[in-house]
Amino acid sequence: ILGEILEHFANPAILLRQAFRLLKEKGTLVITVPYGYH
């Protein structure tokens, strides 16, 4: 789960790459981010 965290990264790939590593095969990623400018 990445709940309101991705928007705090200048380079989201850093976090997404780690999420990919930590997930099992066919694992689920759940994301929430503010929509548009907050």
PDB file of all heavy atoms in Angstrom:
ATOM      1  N   ILE A   1       0.846  -1.195   0.000  1.00  0.00           N
ATOM      2  CA  ILE A   1       0.000   0.000   0.000  1.00  0.00           C
ATOM      3  C   ILE A   1       0.882   1.246   0.000  1.00  0.00           C
ATOM      4  O   ILE A   1       1.769   1.382   0.855  1.00  0.00           O
ATOM      5  CB  ILE A   1      -0.915   0.027   1.239  1.00  0.00           C
ATOM      6  CG1 ILE A   1      -1.834  -1.191   1.266  1.00  0.00           C
ATOM      7  CG2 ILE A   1      -1.731   1.318   1.290  1.00  0.00           C
ATOM      8  CD1 ILE A   1      -2.584  -1.359   2.586  1.00  0.00           C
ATOM      9  N   LEU A   2       0.622   2.139  -0.936  1.00  0.00           N
ATOM     10  CA  LEU A   2       1.270   3.458  -0.972  1.00  0.00           C
ATOM     11  C   LEU A   2       0.166   4.498  -0.855  1.00  0.00           C
ATOM     12  O   LEU A   2      -0.366   4.989  -1.851  1.00  0.00           O
ATOM     13  CB  LEU A   2       2.061   3.648  -2.276  1.00  0.00           C
ATOM     14  CG  LEU A   2       3.114   2.602  -2.631  1.00  0.00           C
ATOM     15  CD1 LEU A   2       3.772   2.947  -3.963  1.00  0.00           C
ATOM     16  CD2 LEU A   2       4.174   2.499  -1.530  1.00  0.00           C
ATOM     17  N   GLY A   3      -0.202   4.811   0.366  1.00  0.00           N
ATOM     18  CA  GLY A   3      -1.301   5.736   0.607  1.00  0.00           C
ATOM     19  C   GLY A   3      -0.808   7.151   0.823  1.00  0.00           C
ATOM     20  O   GLY A   3      -0.193   7.455   1.845  1.00  0.00           O
ATOM     21  N   GLU A   4      -1.063   8.018  -0.146  1.00  0.00           N
ATOM     22  CA  GLU A   4      -0.635   9.429  -0.114  1.00  0.00           C
ATOM     23  C   GLU A   4       0.850   9.580   0.214  1.00  0.00           C
ATOM     24  O   GLU A   4       1.221  10.329   1.120  1.00  0.00           O
ATOM     25  CB  GLU A   4      -1.465  10.234   0.901  1.00  0.00           C
ATOM     26  CG  GLU A   4      -2.832  10.593   0.416  1.00  0.00           C
ATOM     27  CD  GLU A   4      -3.889   9.640   0.931  1.00  0.00           C
ATOM     28  OE1 GLU A   4      -4.369   9.868   2.038  1.00  0.00           O
ATOM     29  OE2 GLU A   4      -4.212   8.661   0.243  1.00  0.00           O
ATOM     30  N   ILE A   5       1.665   8.885  -0.538  1.00  0.00           N
ATOM     31  CA  ILE A   5       3.111   8.977  -0.331  1.00  0.00           C
ATOM     32  C   ILE A   5       3.860   9.261  -1.627  1.00  0.00           C
ATOM     33  O   ILE A   5       4.874   9.957  -1.631  1.00  0.00           O
ATOM     34  CB  ILE A   5       3.652   7.694   0.348  1.00  0.00           C
ATOM     35  CG1 ILE A   5       5.141   7.823   0.636  1.00  0.00           C
ATOM     36  CG2 ILE A   5       3.371   6.466  -0.498  1.00  0.00           C
ATOM     37  CD1 ILE A   5       5.704   6.704   1.485  1.00  0.00           C
ATOM     38  N   LEU A   6       3.332   8.787  -2.746  1.00  0.00           N
ATOM     39  CA  LEU A   6       4.047   8.911  -4.015  1.00  0.00           C
ATOM     40  C   LEU A   6       4.253  10.370  -4.413  1.00  0.00           C
ATOM     41  O   LEU A   6       5.266  10.711  -5.026  1.00  0.00           O
ATOM     42  CB  LEU A   6       3.284   8.163  -5.110  1.00  0.00           C
ATOM     43  CG  LEU A   6       4.095   7.635  -6.292  1.00  0.00           C
ATOM     44  CD1 LEU A   6       5.163   6.648  -5.821  1.00  0.00           C
ATOM     45  CD2 LEU A   6       3.178   6.961  -7.305  1.00  0.00           C
ATOM     46  N   GLU A   7       3.312  11.235  -4.043  1.00  0.00           N
ATOM     47  CA  GLU A   7       3.423  12.658  -4.408  1.00  0.00           C
ATOM     48  C   GLU A   7       4.551  13.378  -3.669  1.00  0.00           C
ATOM     49  O   GLU A   7       4.932  14.484  -4.045  1.00  0.00           O
ATOM     50  CB  GLU A   7       2.095  13.385  -4.153  1.00  0.00           C
ATOM     51  CG  GLU A   7       1.679  13.482  -2.699  1.00  0.00           C
ATOM     52  CD  GLU A   7       0.881  12.276  -2.212  1.00  0.00           C
ATOM     53  OE1 GLU A   7       0.920  11.217  -2.879  1.00  0.00           O
ATOM     54  OE2 GLU A   7       0.233  12.397  -1.151  1.00  0.00           O
ATOM     55  N   HIS A   8       5.106  12.745  -2.644  1.00  0.00           N
ATOM     56  CA  HIS A   8       6.208  13.350  -1.888  1.00  0.00           C
ATOM     57  C   HIS A   8       7.578  13.042  -2.504  1.00  0.00           C
ATOM     58  O   HIS A   8       8.597  13.506  -1.993  1.00  0.00           O
ATOM     59  CB  HIS A   8       6.181  12.858  -0.443  1.00  0.00           C
ATOM     60  CG  HIS A   8       4.966  13.284   0.322  1.00  0.00           C
ATOM     61  ND1 HIS A   8       4.817  14.546   0.842  1.00  0.00           N
ATOM     62  CD2 HIS A   8       3.827  12.609   0.629  1.00  0.00           C
ATOM     63  CE1 HIS A   8       3.651  14.643   1.463  1.00  0.00           C
ATOM     64  NE2 HIS A   8       3.031  13.477   1.333  1.00  0.00           N
ATOM     65  N   PHE A   9       7.592  12.272  -3.591  1.00  0.00           N
ATOM     66  CA  PHE A   9       8.848  11.879  -4.228  1.00  0.00           C
ATOM     67  C   PHE A   9       9.083  12.674  -5.507  1.00  0.00           C
ATOM     68  O   PHE A   9       8.227  12.675  -6.402  1.00  0.00           O
ATOM     69  CB  PHE A   9       8.847  10.384  -4.554  1.00  0.00           C
ATOM     70  CG  PHE A   9       9.156   9.500  -3.382  1.00  0.00           C
ATOM     71  CD1 PHE A   9       8.218   9.305  -2.381  1.00  0.00           C
ATOM     72  CD2 PHE A   9      10.391   8.878  -3.273  1.00  0.00           C
ATOM     73  CE1 PHE A   9       8.492   8.505  -1.293  1.00  0.00           C
ATOM     74  CE2 PHE A   9      10.682   8.068  -2.193  1.00  0.00           C
ATOM     75  CZ  PHE A   9       9.737   7.885  -1.193  1.00  0.00           C
ATOM     76  N   ALA A  10      10.244  13.317  -5.604  1.00  0.00           N
ATOM     77  CA  ALA A  10      10.610  13.984  -6.849  1.00  0.00           C
ATOM     78  C   ALA A  10      10.834  12.963  -7.953  1.00  0.00           C
ATOM     79  O   ALA A  10      10.580  13.231  -9.130  1.00  0.00           O
ATOM     80  CB  ALA A  10      11.871  14.831  -6.639  1.00  0.00           C
ATOM     81  N   ASN A  11      11.314  11.775  -7.560  1.00  0.00           N
ATOM     82  CA  ASN A  11      11.522  10.678  -8.503  1.00  0.00           C
ATOM     83  C   ASN A  11      10.737   9.463  -8.015  1.00  0.00           C
ATOM     84  O   ASN A  11      11.260   8.630  -7.263  1.00  0.00           O
ATOM     85  CB  ASN A  11      13.005  10.345  -8.621  1.00  0.00           C
ATOM     86  CG  ASN A  11      13.278   9.253  -9.638  1.00  0.00           C
ATOM     87  OD1 ASN A  11      12.371   8.799 -10.336  1.00  0.00           O
ATOM     88  ND2 ASN A  11      14.519   8.805  -9.724  1.00  0.00           N
ATOM     89  N   PRO A  12       9.449   9.313  -8.417  1.00  0.00           N
ATOM     90  CA  PRO A  12       8.622   8.209  -7.922  1.00  0.00           C
ATOM     91  C   PRO A  12       9.195   6.838  -8.228  1.00  0.00           C
ATOM     92  O   PRO A  12       8.877   5.869  -7.529  1.00  0.00           O
ATOM     93  CB  PRO A  12       7.295   8.421  -8.655  1.00  0.00           C
ATOM     94  CG  PRO A  12       7.282   9.858  -9.040  1.00  0.00           C
ATOM     95  CD  PRO A  12       8.707  10.209  -9.318  1.00  0.00           C
ATOM     96  N   ALA A  13      10.048   6.727  -9.242  1.00  0.00           N
ATOM     97  CA  ALA A  13      10.617   5.429  -9.611  1.00  0.00           C
ATOM     98  C   ALA A  13      11.392   4.805  -8.455  1.00  0.00           C
ATOM     99  O   ALA A  13      11.469   3.574  -8.346  1.00  0.00           O
ATOM    100  CB  ALA A  13      11.517   5.577 -10.833  1.00  0.00           C
ATOM    101  N   ILE A  14      11.971   5.628  -7.595  1.00  0.00           N
ATOM    102  CA  ILE A  14      12.724   5.107  -6.443  1.00  0.00           C
ATOM    103  C   ILE A  14      11.823   4.237  -5.580  1.00  0.00           C
ATOM    104  O   ILE A  14      12.191   3.130  -5.170  1.00  0.00           O
ATOM    105  CB  ILE A  14      13.313   6.269  -5.620  1.00  0.00           C
ATOM    106  CG1 ILE A  14      14.359   7.031  -6.440  1.00  0.00           C
ATOM    107  CG2 ILE A  14      13.921   5.756  -4.304  1.00  0.00           C
ATOM    108  CD1 ILE A  14      14.853   8.302  -5.763  1.00  0.00           C
ATOM    109  N   LEU A  15      10.629   4.741  -5.298  1.00  0.00           N
ATOM    110  CA  LEU A  15       9.687   4.002  -4.449  1.00  0.00           C
ATOM    111  C   LEU A  15       9.025   2.857  -5.208  1.00  0.00           C
ATOM    112  O   LEU A  15       8.856   1.760  -4.667  1.00  0.00           O
ATOM    113  CB  LEU A  15       8.626   4.962  -3.908  1.00  0.00           C
ATOM    114  CG  LEU A  15       7.597   4.373  -2.940  1.00  0.00           C
ATOM    115  CD1 LEU A  15       8.281   3.730  -1.739  1.00  0.00           C
ATOM    116  CD2 LEU A  15       6.626   5.449  -2.492  1.00  0.00           C
ATOM    117  N   LEU A  16       8.678   3.086  -6.459  1.00  0.00           N
ATOM    118  CA  LEU A  16       8.001   2.052  -7.237  1.00  0.00           C
ATOM    119  C   LEU A  16       8.903   0.848  -7.488  1.00  0.00           C
ATOM    120  O   LEU A  16       8.449  -0.302  -7.469  1.00  0.00           O
ATOM    121  CB  LEU A  16       7.515   2.635  -8.563  1.00  0.00           C
ATOM    122  CG  LEU A  16       6.410   3.703  -8.437  1.00  0.00           C
ATOM    123  CD1 LEU A  16       6.133   4.339  -9.785  1.00  0.00           C
ATOM    124  CD2 LEU A  16       5.142   3.087  -7.852  1.00  0.00           C
ATOM    125  N   ARG A  17      10.173   1.108  -7.695  1.00  0.00           N
ATOM    126  CA  ARG A  17      11.137   0.017  -7.896  1.00  0.00           C
ATOM    127  C   ARG A  17      11.236  -0.846  -6.632  1.00  0.00           C
ATOM    128  O   ARG A  17      11.305  -2.080  -6.709  1.00  0.00           O
ATOM    129  CB  ARG A  17      12.500   0.592  -8.259  1.00  0.00           C
ATOM    130  CG  ARG A  17      13.526  -0.436  -8.710  1.00  0.00           C
ATOM    131  CD  ARG A  17      14.845   0.216  -9.054  1.00  0.00           C
ATOM    132  NE  ARG A  17      14.722   1.127 -10.184  1.00  0.00           N
ATOM    133  CZ  ARG A  17      14.854   2.450 -10.107  1.00  0.00           C
ATOM    134  NH1 ARG A  17      15.107   3.031  -8.938  1.00  0.00           N
ATOM    135  NH2 ARG A  17      14.732   3.203 -11.185  1.00  0.00           N
ATOM    136  N   GLN A  18      11.213  -0.200  -5.474  1.00  0.00           N
ATOM    137  CA  GLN A  18      11.274  -0.942  -4.214  1.00  0.00           C
ATOM    138  C   GLN A  18       9.979  -1.707  -3.950  1.00  0.00           C
ATOM    139  O   GLN A  18      10.008  -2.854  -3.475  1.00  0.00           O
ATOM    140  CB  GLN A  18      11.566   0.034  -3.058  1.00  0.00           C
ATOM    141  CG  GLN A  18      11.671  -0.591  -1.687  1.00  0.00           C
ATOM    142  CD  GLN A  18      12.934  -1.403  -1.467  1.00  0.00           C
ATOM    143  OE1 GLN A  18      13.445  -2.055  -2.379  1.00  0.00           O
ATOM    144  NE2 GLN A  18      13.448  -1.379  -0.247  1.00  0.00           N
ATOM    145  N   ALA A  19       8.841  -1.100  -4.287  1.00  0.00           N
ATOM    146  CA  ALA A  19       7.566  -1.798  -4.140  1.00  0.00           C
ATOM    147  C   ALA A  19       7.531  -3.048  -5.016  1.00  0.00           C
ATOM    148  O   ALA A  19       7.059  -4.107  -4.599  1.00  0.00           O
ATOM    149  CB  ALA A  19       6.415  -0.864  -4.501  1.00  0.00           C
ATOM    150  N   PHE A  20       8.049  -2.931  -6.224  1.00  0.00           N
ATOM    151  CA  PHE A  20       8.143  -4.072  -7.139  1.00  0.00           C
ATOM    152  C   PHE A  20       8.988  -5.184  -6.513  1.00  0.00           C
ATOM    153  O   PHE A  20       8.619  -6.359  -6.552  1.00  0.00           O
ATOM    154  CB  PHE A  20       8.764  -3.609  -8.463  1.00  0.00           C
ATOM    155  CG  PHE A  20       8.926  -4.694  -9.486  1.00  0.00           C
ATOM    156  CD1 PHE A  20       7.896  -5.012 -10.363  1.00  0.00           C
ATOM    157  CD2 PHE A  20      10.124  -5.395  -9.596  1.00  0.00           C
ATOM    158  CE1 PHE A  20       8.052  -6.015 -11.322  1.00  0.00           C
ATOM    159  CE2 PHE A  20      10.289  -6.395 -10.542  1.00  0.00           C
ATOM    160  CZ  PHE A  20       9.247  -6.698 -11.412  1.00  0.00           C
ATOM    161  N   ARG A  21      10.113  -4.817  -5.913  1.00  0.00           N
ATOM    162  CA  ARG A  21      11.008  -5.806  -5.305  1.00  0.00           C
ATOM    163  C   ARG A  21      10.349  -6.517  -4.126  1.00  0.00           C
ATOM    164  O   ARG A  21      10.560  -7.720  -3.910  1.00  0.00           O
ATOM    165  CB  ARG A  21      12.291  -5.120  -4.826  1.00  0.00           C
ATOM    166  CG  ARG A  21      13.364  -6.081  -4.316  1.00  0.00           C
ATOM    167  CD  ARG A  21      14.550  -5.364  -3.713  1.00  0.00           C
ATOM    168  NE  ARG A  21      14.265  -4.764  -2.422  1.00  0.00           N
ATOM    169  CZ  ARG A  21      14.235  -5.438  -1.267  1.00  0.00           C
ATOM    170  NH1 ARG A  21      14.432  -6.754  -1.240  1.00  0.00           N
ATOM    171  NH2 ARG A  21      13.985  -4.818  -0.133  1.00  0.00           N
ATOM    172  N   LEU A  22       9.536  -5.793  -3.360  1.00  0.00           N
ATOM    173  CA  LEU A  22       8.964  -6.334  -2.133  1.00  0.00           C
ATOM    174  C   LEU A  22       7.679  -7.126  -2.353  1.00  0.00           C
ATOM    175  O   LEU A  22       7.187  -7.781  -1.436  1.00  0.00           O
ATOM    176  CB  LEU A  22       8.692  -5.200  -1.137  1.00  0.00           C
ATOM    177  CG  LEU A  22       9.944  -4.534  -0.547  1.00  0.00           C
ATOM    178  CD1 LEU A  22       9.575  -3.245   0.175  1.00  0.00           C
ATOM    179  CD2 LEU A  22      10.664  -5.496   0.411  1.00  0.00           C
ATOM    180  N   LEU A  23       7.122  -7.064  -3.559  1.00  0.00           N
ATOM    181  CA  LEU A  23       5.892  -7.789  -3.849  1.00  0.00           C
ATOM    182  C   LEU A  23       6.164  -9.217  -4.337  1.00  0.00           C
ATOM    183  O   LEU A  23       7.117  -9.465  -5.065  1.00  0.00           O
ATOM    184  CB  LEU A  23       5.086  -7.049  -4.918  1.00  0.00           C
ATOM    185  CG  LEU A  23       4.107  -5.972  -4.439  1.00  0.00           C
ATOM    186  CD1 LEU A  23       3.557  -5.201  -5.635  1.00  0.00           C
ATOM    187  CD2 LEU A  23       2.977  -6.585  -3.629  1.00  0.00           C
ATOM    188  N   LYS A  24       5.274 -10.118  -3.960  1.00  0.00           N
ATOM    189  CA  LYS A  24       5.315 -11.473  -4.498  1.00  0.00           C
ATOM    190  C   LYS A  24       4.918 -11.453  -5.975  1.00  0.00           C
ATOM    191  O   LYS A  24       4.404 -10.459  -6.485  1.00  0.00           O
ATOM    192  CB  LYS A  24       4.342 -12.380  -3.727  1.00  0.00           C
ATOM    193  CG  LYS A  24       4.712 -12.621  -2.280  1.00  0.00           C
ATOM    194  CD  LYS A  24       3.672 -13.516  -1.613  1.00  0.00           C
ATOM    195  CE  LYS A  24       4.000 -13.755  -0.156  1.00  0.00           C
ATOM    196  NZ  LYS A  24       2.963 -14.593   0.520  1.00  0.00           N
ATOM    197  N   GLU A  25       5.139 -12.555  -6.647  1.00  0.00           N
ATOM    198  CA  GLU A  25       4.727 -12.677  -8.043  1.00  0.00           C
ATOM    199  C   GLU A  25       3.221 -12.422  -8.155  1.00  0.00           C
ATOM    200  O   GLU A  25       2.421 -12.970  -7.386  1.00  0.00           O
ATOM    201  CB  GLU A  25       5.064 -14.078  -8.562  1.00  0.00           C
ATOM    202  CG  GLU A  25       4.752 -14.267 -10.029  1.00  0.00           C
ATOM    203  CD  GLU A  25       5.139 -15.654 -10.525  1.00  0.00           C
ATOM    204  OE1 GLU A  25       5.762 -16.409  -9.747  1.00  0.00           O
ATOM    205  OE2 GLU A  25       4.812 -15.976 -11.678  1.00  0.00           O
ATOM    206  N   LYS A  26       2.844 -11.552  -9.084  1.00  0.00           N
ATOM    207  CA  LYS A  26       1.457 -11.135  -9.318  1.00  0.00           C
ATOM    208  C   LYS A  26       0.853 -10.461  -8.098  1.00  0.00           C
ATOM    209  O   LYS A  26      -0.387 -10.430  -7.938  1.00  0.00           O
ATOM    210  CB  LYS A  26       0.600 -12.328  -9.748  1.00  0.00           C
ATOM    211  CG  LYS A  26       1.020 -12.935 -11.076  1.00  0.00           C
ATOM    212  CD  LYS A  26       0.086 -14.055 -11.499  1.00  0.00           C
ATOM    213  CE  LYS A  26       0.526 -14.645 -12.841  1.00  0.00           C
ATOM    214  NZ  LYS A  26      -0.376 -15.746 -13.278  1.00  0.00           N
ATOM    215  N   GLY A  27       1.700  -9.891  -7.237  1.00  0.00           N
ATOM    216  CA  GLY A  27       1.221  -9.158  -6.070  1.00  0.00           C
ATOM    217  C   GLY A  27       0.510  -7.871  -6.466  1.00  0.00           C
ATOM    218  O   GLY A  27       0.641  -7.372  -7.581  1.00  0.00           O
ATOM    219  N   THR A  28      -0.245  -7.306  -5.518  1.00  0.00           N
ATOM    220  CA  THR A  28      -1.073  -6.126  -5.767  1.00  0.00           C
ATOM    221  C   THR A  28      -0.444  -4.871  -5.184  1.00  0.00           C
ATOM    222  O   THR A  28      -0.005  -4.861  -4.029  1.00  0.00           O
ATOM    223  CB  THR A  28      -2.476  -6.312  -5.156  1.00  0.00           C
ATOM    224  OG1 THR A  28      -3.109  -7.442  -5.763  1.00  0.00           O
ATOM    225  CG2 THR A  28      -3.340  -5.078  -5.369  1.00  0.00           C
ATOM    226  N   LEU A  29      -0.425  -3.813  -5.981  1.00  0.00           N
ATOM    227  CA  LEU A  29      -0.020  -2.488  -5.520  1.00  0.00           C
ATOM    228  C   LEU A  29      -1.271  -1.633  -5.396  1.00  0.00           C
ATOM    229  O   LEU A  29      -2.080  -1.548  -6.320  1.00  0.00           O
ATOM    230  CB  LEU A  29       0.949  -1.845  -6.512  1.00  0.00           C
ATOM    231  CG  LEU A  29       1.482  -0.457  -6.133  1.00  0.00           C
ATOM    232  CD1 LEU A  29       2.412  -0.548  -4.922  1.00  0.00           C
ATOM    233  CD2 LEU A  29       2.206   0.175  -7.312  1.00  0.00           C
ATOM    234  N   VAL A  30      -1.445  -1.013  -4.238  1.00  0.00           N
ATOM    235  CA  VAL A  30      -2.592  -0.132  -3.985  1.00  0.00           C
ATOM    236  C   VAL A  30      -2.066   1.276  -3.740  1.00  0.00           C
ATOM    237  O   VAL A  30      -1.247   1.482  -2.838  1.00  0.00           O
ATOM    238  CB  VAL A  30      -3.414  -0.626  -2.772  1.00  0.00           C
ATOM    239  CG1 VAL A  30      -4.587   0.322  -2.501  1.00  0.00           C
ATOM    240  CG2 VAL A  30      -3.923  -2.037  -3.007  1.00  0.00           C
ATOM    241  N   ILE A  31      -2.550   2.228  -4.528  1.00  0.00           N
ATOM    242  CA  ILE A  31      -2.036   3.600  -4.459  1.00  0.00           C
ATOM    243  C   ILE A  31      -3.186   4.584  -4.306  1.00  0.00           C
ATOM    244  O   ILE A  31      -4.223   4.455  -4.968  1.00  0.00           O
ATOM    245  CB  ILE A  31      -1.247   3.962  -5.737  1.00  0.00           C
ATOM    246  CG1 ILE A  31       0.048   3.157  -5.814  1.00  0.00           C
ATOM    247  CG2 ILE A  31      -0.925   5.450  -5.795  1.00  0.00           C
ATOM    248  CD1 ILE A  31       0.853   3.435  -7.063  1.00  0.00           C
ATOM    249  N   THR A  32      -3.001   5.578  -3.449  1.00  0.00           N
ATOM    250  CA  THR A  32      -3.862   6.762  -3.443  1.00  0.00           C
ATOM    251  C   THR A  32      -2.963   7.990  -3.478  1.00  0.00           C
ATOM    252  O   THR A  32      -1.941   8.046  -2.783  1.00  0.00           O
ATOM    253  CB  THR A  32      -4.777   6.825  -2.206  1.00  0.00           C
ATOM    254  OG1 THR A  32      -3.988   6.838  -1.008  1.00  0.00           O
ATOM    255  CG2 THR A  32      -5.725   5.640  -2.156  1.00  0.00           C
ATOM    256  N   VAL A  33      -3.336   8.951  -4.323  1.00  0.00           N
ATOM    257  CA  VAL A  33      -2.608  10.223  -4.433  1.00  0.00           C
ATOM    258  C   VAL A  33      -3.622  11.346  -4.611  1.00  0.00           C
ATOM    259  O   VAL A  33      -4.720  11.119  -5.134  1.00  0.00           O
ATOM    260  CB  VAL A  33      -1.622  10.227  -5.634  1.00  0.00           C
ATOM    261  CG1 VAL A  33      -0.453   9.305  -5.399  1.00  0.00           C
ATOM    262  CG2 VAL A  33      -2.340   9.872  -6.932  1.00  0.00           C
ATOM    263  N   PRO A  34      -3.288  12.574  -4.199  1.00  0.00           N
ATOM    264  CA  PRO A  34      -4.171  13.694  -4.511  1.00  0.00           C
ATOM    265  C   PRO A  34      -4.337  13.823  -6.024  1.00  0.00           C
ATOM    266  O   PRO A  34      -3.368  13.669  -6.769  1.00  0.00           O
ATOM    267  CB  PRO A  34      -3.428  14.907  -3.933  1.00  0.00           C
ATOM    268  CG  PRO A  34      -2.498  14.338  -2.914  1.00  0.00           C
ATOM    269  CD  PRO A  34      -2.101  12.993  -3.434  1.00  0.00           C
ATOM    270  N   TYR A  35      -5.559  14.083  -6.469  1.00  0.00           N
ATOM    271  CA  TYR A  35      -5.813  14.231  -7.905  1.00  0.00           C
ATOM    272  C   TYR A  35      -5.649  15.694  -8.291  1.00  0.00           C
ATOM    273  O   TYR A  35      -6.386  16.570  -7.832  1.00  0.00           O
ATOM    274  CB  TYR A  35      -7.220  13.755  -8.248  1.00  0.00           C
ATOM    275  CG  TYR A  35      -7.498  13.750  -9.744  1.00  0.00           C
ATOM    276  CD1 TYR A  35      -6.852  12.838 -10.568  1.00  0.00           C
ATOM    277  CD2 TYR A  35      -8.391  14.641 -10.315  1.00  0.00           C
ATOM    278  CE1 TYR A  35      -7.091  12.818 -11.933  1.00  0.00           C
ATOM    279  CE2 TYR A  35      -8.649  14.624 -11.680  1.00  0.00           C
ATOM    280  CZ  TYR A  35      -7.991  13.711 -12.482  1.00  0.00           C
ATOM    281  OH  TYR A  35      -8.221  13.689 -13.834  1.00  0.00           O
ATOM    282  N   GLY A  36      -4.643  15.952  -9.136  1.00  0.00           N
ATOM    283  CA  GLY A  36      -4.377  17.319  -9.548  1.00  0.00           C
ATOM    284  C   GLY A  36      -3.628  18.095  -8.479  1.00  0.00           C
ATOM    285  O   GLY A  36      -3.030  17.517  -7.558  1.00  0.00           O
ATOM    286  N   TYR A  37      -3.661  19.402  -8.589  1.00  0.00           N
ATOM    287  CA  TYR A  37      -2.861  20.264  -7.719  1.00  0.00           C
ATOM    288  C   TYR A  37      -3.452  20.354  -6.322  1.00  0.00           C
ATOM    289  O   TYR A  37      -4.607  20.748  -6.156  1.00  0.00           O
ATOM    290  CB  TYR A  37      -2.755  21.659  -8.332  1.00  0.00           C
ATOM    291  CG  TYR A  37      -2.025  22.655  -7.446  1.00  0.00           C
ATOM    292  CD1 TYR A  37      -0.674  22.491  -7.161  1.00  0.00           C
ATOM    293  CD2 TYR A  37      -2.698  23.735  -6.890  1.00  0.00           C
ATOM    294  CE1 TYR A  37      -0.003  23.392  -6.352  1.00  0.00           C
ATOM    295  CE2 TYR A  37      -2.037  24.643  -6.087  1.00  0.00           C
ATOM    296  CZ  TYR A  37      -0.694  24.474  -5.816  1.00  0.00           C
ATOM    297  OH  TYR A  37      -0.037  25.367  -5.005  1.00  0.00           O
ATOM    298  N   HIS A  38      -2.659  19.969  -5.323  1.00  0.00           N
ATOM    299  CA  HIS A  38      -3.000  20.160  -3.915  1.00  0.00           C
ATOM    300  C   HIS A  38      -1.876  20.973  -3.282  1.00  0.00           C
ATOM    301  O   HIS A  38      -0.735  20.505  -3.226  1.00  0.00           O
ATOM    302  CB  HIS A  38      -3.134  18.820  -3.188  1.00  0.00           C
ATOM    303  CG  HIS A  38      -4.439  18.134  -3.424  1.00  0.00           C
ATOM    304  ND1 HIS A  38      -5.158  17.535  -2.417  1.00  0.00           N
ATOM    305  CD2 HIS A  38      -5.169  17.961  -4.554  1.00  0.00           C
ATOM    306  CE1 HIS A  38      -6.274  17.009  -2.924  1.00  0.00           C
ATOM    307  NE2 HIS A  38      -6.282  17.251  -4.211  1.00  0.00           N
TER     308      HIS A  38
END
